[in-house]
Amino acid sequence: MAGAVGRLLLLVALLAAAALGACGGEDGAAGQEQDAQLAVPWLDPDGDFPIVGSMTINPADGRLWISTNTGLFRVPGEGRKPVKVTGTLTTPNGAGEISELLVVRFIGPDEMLGSGHPAGGSTLPPVLGLIRSEDAGKTWTSVSELGTADFHAIEPVGDRLIGGLFGQAQVLVSGDGGHEWETRAAPRPLVDLEVNPQDSNRWIATTQDGVYVSRDEGGTWRAIDPTPNSYLAWPAPDALYRLDPGGALMLSRDGGGKWEEVGSTGGEPQWLVASDPMTLYAVLIDGTIKRSGDGGRIWSDFVAPPA
């Protein structure tokens, strides 16, 4: 366990240097031809660890996307190589290409919010604030906080938008789609954040020293578990998942009060996302993307890392 925690702490340190991109693709012969042309390694072959900033599901087609230090990718399907997506961000201060170093979240079919950084040498500001795309990452526009905010968690719930700031014990809340924000204090800088899908007042957050819950939209927090550096998915009010160091998947049906271990990914995790209460995806520290169709009890390889 000490070795696993050490690897997790090193991963957190690496994440301090970057925020990141996603995956996906097309079906049929035309899609396969495009995959052959555009598929590139979604992991840095020279890096000690792959760095994953987010995973998200496009409601338009149910495809998985993944953001890494090498780019934003969509995954065409099981066993298919992720395909890199490069878009153009337009801001009041100019335009430029973006793909790597992003955190993204779909909020509707082909509609996504993002944050992060441009590639080195770009004329864009080094911190992108909140950005938005309505065509699955091809074009982006600036929404707010350009040059000032780096969101590493983006959670839309009802008419509220919640953004966790990287490296800061702060969470921002917006009621107008991310144009204006109010600040909430967090117990620690966040590793991950999820919100009850039916009650935007009820939050859960993970940090380097444990798991915390808030029942008043981030006004106050209570520690509920000392497990560090976990990843979260909350696809239904009675299905809150927590993926712990080492790969153990925990399930709570009461919003974090009680937990049961339901399965294991079999490897050190980097991220967790759910497309529905039973279908989960996890990416491991070696870049393997795992899938479970039974609520995390059994996992299989969805995409293998590049050789």
Protein backbone atom coordinates (compact mmCIF):
# COMPACT_ATOMS: atom_id res chain seq x y z
CA MET A 1 0.00 0.00 0.00
CA ALA A 2 2.88 2.40 0.77
CA GLY A 3 4.14 1.99 -2.79
CA ALA A 4 0.65 2.63 -4.17
CA VAL A 5 0.24 5.78 -2.08
CA GLY A 6 3.68 6.95 -3.20
CA ARG A 7 2.72 6.54 -6.83
CA LEU A 8 -0.50 8.42 -6.21
CA LEU A 9 1.33 11.31 -4.54
CA LEU A 10 3.76 11.47 -7.47
CA LEU A 11 0.81 11.50 -9.86
CA VAL A 12 -0.75 14.40 -7.95
CA ALA A 13 2.56 16.26 -8.24
CA LEU A 14 2.60 15.62 -11.98
CA LEU A 15 -0.96 16.89 -12.25
CA ALA A 16 0.23 20.15 -10.73
CA ALA A 17 2.13 20.73 -13.94
CA ALA A 18 -0.72 20.09 -16.36
CA ALA A 19 -4.46 19.77 -16.91
CA LEU A 20 -5.66 17.59 -19.66
CA GLY A 21 -7.65 16.09 -22.77
CA ALA A 22 -10.13 13.20 -24.08
CA CYS A 23 -11.04 10.37 -26.66
CA GLY A 24 -13.52 8.97 -29.24
CA GLY A 25 -14.32 8.08 -32.89
CA GLU A 26 -16.61 6.84 -35.67
CA ASP A 27 -18.04 3.51 -36.82
CA GLY A 28 -17.80 1.76 -40.20
CA ALA A 29 -15.10 1.67 -42.87
CA ALA A 30 -14.91 5.45 -43.17
CA GLY A 31 -14.45 5.74 -39.42
CA GLN A 32 -11.72 3.09 -39.44
CA GLU A 33 -9.87 4.93 -42.20
CA GLN A 34 -10.08 8.18 -40.23
CA ASP A 35 -8.88 6.39 -37.10
CA ALA A 36 -5.84 5.13 -39.00
CA GLN A 37 -5.02 8.67 -40.08
CA LEU A 38 -5.62 10.44 -36.76
CA ALA A 39 -4.88 7.87 -34.05
CA VAL A 40 -1.83 8.97 -32.07
CA PRO A 41 -0.49 7.82 -28.69
CA TRP A 42 -2.69 9.23 -25.93
CA LEU A 43 0.12 8.62 -23.46
CA ASP A 44 3.55 10.23 -23.46
CA PRO A 45 5.88 7.33 -24.40
CA ASP A 46 8.76 9.10 -22.62
CA GLY A 47 6.83 9.89 -19.44
CA ASP A 48 7.02 7.93 -16.20
CA PHE A 49 3.23 8.11 -15.84
CA PRO A 50 0.42 9.00 -18.20
CA ILE A 51 -1.36 12.11 -16.93
CA VAL A 52 -5.14 12.09 -17.22
CA GLY A 53 -7.13 15.25 -16.51
CA SER A 54 -10.70 14.09 -17.13
CA MET A 55 -13.01 11.47 -18.64
CA THR A 56 -16.49 12.30 -19.93
CA ILE A 57 -19.31 10.77 -22.00
CA ASN A 58 -20.86 12.47 -25.06
CA PRO A 59 -24.67 12.09 -24.80
CA ALA A 60 -24.90 12.42 -28.58
CA ASP A 61 -23.51 8.91 -29.15
CA GLY A 62 -22.48 7.51 -25.76
CA ARG A 63 -18.79 7.67 -26.69
CA LEU A 64 -16.08 8.03 -24.06
CA TRP A 65 -13.68 10.97 -24.21
CA ILE A 66 -10.43 11.26 -22.30
CA SER A 67 -8.06 14.17 -21.74
CA THR A 68 -4.35 13.57 -21.29
CA ASN A 69 -1.09 15.48 -21.47
CA THR A 70 -0.83 14.55 -25.16
CA GLY A 71 -4.27 15.79 -26.22
CA LEU A 72 -8.05 15.58 -26.17
CA PHE A 73 -9.27 12.23 -27.52
CA ARG A 74 -12.50 10.43 -28.31
CA VAL A 75 -12.67 6.64 -28.11
CA PRO A 76 -14.41 5.10 -31.15
CA GLY A 77 -15.29 1.89 -29.30
CA GLU A 78 -13.96 -1.12 -27.45
CA GLY A 79 -10.45 -2.03 -28.57
CA ARG A 80 -10.26 0.97 -30.95
CA LYS A 81 -7.44 3.49 -30.72
CA PRO A 82 -8.41 6.89 -29.30
CA VAL A 83 -8.57 9.63 -31.94
CA LYS A 84 -7.13 13.06 -31.21
CA VAL A 85 -9.41 16.10 -31.44
CA THR A 86 -7.82 19.52 -31.95
CA GLY A 87 -10.00 22.60 -31.77
CA THR A 88 -9.70 26.36 -32.14
CA LEU A 89 -10.39 28.62 -29.18
CA THR A 90 -11.52 32.18 -29.92
CA THR A 91 -11.13 34.75 -27.14
CA PRO A 92 -11.30 38.56 -26.92
CA ASN A 93 -7.49 38.45 -26.92
CA GLY A 94 -7.06 36.31 -30.04
CA ALA A 95 -7.41 32.72 -31.17
CA GLY A 96 -5.33 29.56 -31.10
CA GLU A 97 -5.42 25.76 -31.26
CA ILE A 98 -6.07 23.69 -28.13
CA SER A 99 -6.06 19.95 -27.43
CA GLU A 100 -3.63 18.85 -24.72
CA LEU A 101 -3.63 20.13 -21.12
CA LEU A 102 -7.42 20.37 -20.87
CA VAL A 103 -10.16 19.32 -18.47
CA VAL A 104 -13.50 18.79 -20.25
CA ARG A 105 -17.09 17.88 -19.35
CA PHE A 106 -20.05 17.24 -21.67
CA ILE A 107 -23.20 19.10 -20.63
CA GLY A 108 -25.36 17.98 -23.58
CA PRO A 109 -25.08 16.27 -26.98
CA ASP A 110 -21.80 17.58 -28.49
CA GLU A 111 -21.89 20.47 -25.96
CA MET A 112 -18.95 20.67 -23.61
CA LEU A 113 -17.31 22.93 -21.08
CA GLY A 114 -13.59 22.97 -20.52
CA SER A 115 -10.63 24.60 -18.84
CA GLY A 116 -6.87 24.22 -18.74
CA HIS A 117 -3.94 25.54 -20.73
CA PRO A 118 -2.86 26.02 -24.35
CA ALA A 119 0.13 24.23 -25.81
CA GLY A 120 3.57 25.69 -25.29
CA GLY A 121 4.32 28.64 -27.54
CA SER A 122 0.67 29.60 -28.02
CA THR A 123 -0.37 33.24 -28.04
CA LEU A 124 -3.37 32.37 -25.86
CA PRO A 125 -3.20 33.20 -22.14
CA PRO A 126 -1.52 30.45 -20.09
CA VAL A 127 -4.74 29.82 -18.14
CA LEU A 128 -7.93 29.47 -20.19
CA GLY A 129 -10.62 29.99 -17.54
CA LEU A 130 -13.98 28.49 -18.55
CA ILE A 131 -14.43 27.70 -22.25
CA ARG A 132 -17.35 26.22 -24.20
CA SER A 133 -17.80 24.15 -27.38
CA GLU A 134 -21.07 23.28 -29.12
CA ASP A 135 -19.54 21.03 -31.81
CA ALA A 136 -17.68 18.37 -29.81
CA GLY A 137 -14.41 20.22 -29.43
CA LYS A 138 -13.89 21.56 -32.96
CA THR A 139 -14.44 25.20 -32.01
CA TRP A 140 -14.38 26.85 -28.60
CA THR A 141 -15.31 30.24 -27.19
CA SER A 142 -14.25 31.92 -23.95
CA VAL A 143 -16.96 32.13 -21.27
CA SER A 144 -15.24 33.70 -18.25
CA GLU A 145 -12.14 33.88 -16.05
CA LEU A 146 -9.76 33.97 -19.03
CA GLY A 147 -6.22 34.23 -17.73
CA THR A 148 -7.23 33.82 -14.06
CA ALA A 149 -8.98 30.49 -13.29
CA ASP A 150 -7.87 26.89 -13.85
CA PHE A 151 -10.82 24.56 -13.21
CA HIS A 152 -9.97 20.92 -12.48
CA ALA A 153 -13.56 19.95 -11.72
CA ILE A 154 -16.60 21.12 -13.71
CA GLU A 155 -19.98 19.95 -12.42
CA PRO A 156 -23.30 21.05 -14.00
CA VAL A 157 -26.37 20.31 -11.86
CA GLY A 158 -29.75 21.78 -12.75
CA ASP A 159 -29.34 25.53 -13.23
CA ARG A 160 -26.08 25.60 -11.27
CA LEU A 161 -22.49 25.18 -12.45
CA ILE A 162 -19.79 24.25 -9.95
CA GLY A 163 -16.08 24.59 -10.63
CA GLY A 164 -13.25 23.35 -8.44
CA LEU A 165 -10.04 25.37 -8.75
CA PHE A 166 -6.76 23.54 -9.21
CA GLY A 167 -4.39 23.70 -6.24
CA GLN A 168 -6.66 25.99 -4.23
CA ALA A 169 -9.07 25.31 -1.38
CA GLN A 170 -11.82 27.08 -3.30
CA VAL A 171 -14.89 26.14 -5.30
CA LEU A 172 -16.77 28.57 -7.55
CA VAL A 173 -20.54 28.44 -8.09
CA SER A 174 -22.43 30.03 -11.00
CA GLY A 175 -26.14 30.39 -11.66
CA ASP A 176 -25.81 31.76 -15.20
CA GLY A 177 -23.76 29.15 -17.04
CA GLY A 178 -20.37 30.27 -15.80
CA HIS A 179 -20.40 33.98 -16.60
CA GLU A 180 -20.57 35.19 -12.99
CA TRP A 181 -19.25 33.26 -9.99
CA GLU A 182 -19.56 33.11 -6.21
CA THR A 183 -16.75 31.67 -4.09
CA ARG A 184 -17.06 28.83 -1.59
CA ALA A 185 -14.26 27.62 0.68
CA ALA A 186 -13.19 23.99 0.32
CA PRO A 187 -11.61 21.94 3.13
CA ARG A 188 -8.46 21.32 1.06
CA PRO A 189 -7.43 21.59 -2.60
CA LEU A 190 -9.68 19.07 -4.34
CA VAL A 191 -8.71 15.87 -6.11
CA ASP A 192 -12.28 15.29 -7.34
CA LEU A 193 -15.78 16.70 -6.81
CA GLU A 194 -19.27 15.34 -7.47
CA VAL A 195 -22.75 16.71 -6.82
CA ASN A 196 -25.97 14.82 -6.11
CA PRO A 197 -27.71 14.69 -9.52
CA GLN A 198 -31.05 15.61 -7.92
CA ASP A 199 -29.94 18.03 -5.19
CA SER A 200 -27.34 20.67 -6.01
CA ASN A 201 -26.91 21.44 -2.29
CA ARG A 202 -25.31 18.07 -1.58
CA TRP A 203 -21.64 17.77 -2.60
CA ILE A 204 -18.87 15.25 -2.02
CA ALA A 205 -15.17 15.99 -2.52
CA THR A 206 -11.94 14.03 -2.25
CA THR A 207 -8.59 15.50 -1.21
CA GLN A 208 -5.09 14.32 -0.36
CA ASP A 209 -6.19 13.69 3.24
CA GLY A 210 -9.66 12.21 2.86
CA VAL A 211 -13.28 12.50 1.77
CA TYR A 212 -15.59 15.41 2.71
CA VAL A 213 -19.28 16.13 2.26
CA SER A 214 -21.28 19.37 2.19
CA ARG A 215 -25.04 19.59 2.54
CA ASP A 216 -25.30 23.36 1.97
CA GLU A 217 -23.69 23.92 -1.46
CA GLY A 218 -20.15 24.17 -0.11
CA GLY A 219 -20.94 26.48 2.79
CA THR A 220 -19.73 23.97 5.38
CA TRP A 221 -17.90 20.65 5.11
CA ARG A 222 -17.64 17.48 7.19
CA ALA A 223 -14.93 14.82 6.94
CA ILE A 224 -16.42 11.33 6.45
CA ASP A 225 -13.50 9.08 5.46
CA PRO A 226 -9.68 9.32 5.74
CA THR A 227 -8.99 7.59 2.39
CA PRO A 228 -6.85 9.98 0.26
CA ASN A 229 -6.81 10.69 -3.47
CA SER A 230 -10.03 8.90 -4.50
CA TYR A 231 -12.05 9.47 -7.67
CA LEU A 232 -15.82 9.88 -7.77
CA ALA A 233 -18.87 9.25 -9.95
CA TRP A 234 -22.48 10.00 -8.92
CA PRO A 235 -24.77 8.93 -11.77
CA ALA A 236 -27.92 8.54 -9.60
CA PRO A 237 -28.91 9.72 -6.11
CA ASP A 238 -28.61 6.15 -4.76
CA ALA A 239 -25.44 5.25 -6.70
CA LEU A 240 -22.39 7.19 -5.50
CA TYR A 241 -19.11 5.51 -6.49
CA ARG A 242 -15.65 6.08 -5.02
CA LEU A 243 -12.53 4.57 -6.63
CA ASP A 244 -9.77 4.32 -4.04
CA PRO A 245 -5.97 3.97 -4.31
CA GLY A 246 -5.14 0.40 -5.25
CA GLY A 247 -8.32 0.05 -7.34
CA ALA A 248 -11.03 -0.81 -4.79
CA LEU A 249 -14.45 0.47 -5.93
CA MET A 250 -16.76 1.59 -3.13
CA LEU A 251 -20.51 2.18 -3.44
CA SER A 252 -22.73 4.35 -1.24
CA ARG A 253 -26.51 4.39 -1.63
CA ASP A 254 -27.08 7.16 0.92
CA GLY A 255 -24.81 9.95 -0.33
CA GLY A 256 -21.66 8.91 1.53
CA GLY A 257 -23.01 7.78 4.88
CA LYS A 258 -22.28 4.07 4.40
CA TRP A 259 -19.96 2.40 1.89
CA GLU A 260 -19.52 -1.13 0.62
CA GLU A 261 -16.73 -2.50 -1.55
CA VAL A 262 -18.25 -3.93 -4.73
CA GLY A 263 -15.23 -4.68 -6.91
CA SER A 264 -11.74 -3.67 -8.03
CA THR A 265 -10.17 -2.34 -11.21
CA GLY A 266 -7.13 -4.51 -10.51
CA GLY A 267 -4.73 -1.58 -10.88
CA GLU A 268 -3.90 1.91 -9.69
CA PRO A 269 -6.63 4.34 -10.88
CA GLN A 270 -6.37 7.82 -12.34
CA TRP A 271 -9.99 8.66 -13.11
CA LEU A 272 -13.57 7.36 -12.93
CA VAL A 273 -16.69 8.22 -14.92
CA ALA A 274 -20.17 6.69 -15.21
CA SER A 275 -22.38 6.76 -18.29
CA ASP A 276 -25.29 5.39 -16.24
CA PRO A 277 -25.68 3.83 -12.77
CA MET A 278 -24.33 0.47 -13.96
CA THR A 279 -21.79 1.40 -16.67
CA LEU A 280 -18.46 2.68 -15.39
CA TYR A 281 -15.13 3.52 -17.01
CA ALA A 282 -11.80 3.88 -15.23
CA VAL A 283 -8.35 4.69 -16.51
CA LEU A 284 -5.37 3.14 -14.74
CA ILE A 285 -1.96 4.60 -14.10
CA ASP A 286 -0.46 2.57 -16.97
CA GLY A 287 -3.05 3.99 -19.41
CA THR A 288 -5.36 0.97 -19.58
CA ILE A 289 -9.02 2.00 -19.89
CA LYS A 290 -11.29 -0.41 -18.02
CA ARG A 291 -15.07 -0.83 -18.36
CA SER A 292 -17.70 -2.37 -16.10
CA GLY A 293 -21.30 -2.99 -17.12
CA ASP A 294 -22.52 -4.31 -13.77
CA GLY A 295 -21.85 -1.45 -11.35
CA GLY A 296 -18.16 -2.14 -10.87
CA ARG A 297 -18.26 -5.79 -9.84
CA ILE A 298 -16.49 -7.10 -12.94
CA TRP A 299 -14.08 -5.04 -15.06
CA SER A 300 -12.64 -5.74 -18.51
CA ASP A 301 -10.08 -3.97 -20.67
CA PHE A 302 -11.83 -1.46 -22.92
CA VAL A 303 -8.72 0.05 -24.53
CA ALA A 304 -5.15 -1.14 -23.98
CA PRO A 305 -2.33 1.41 -23.67
CA PRO A 306 -0.01 1.85 -26.66
CA ALA A 307 2.82 -0.66 -26.79
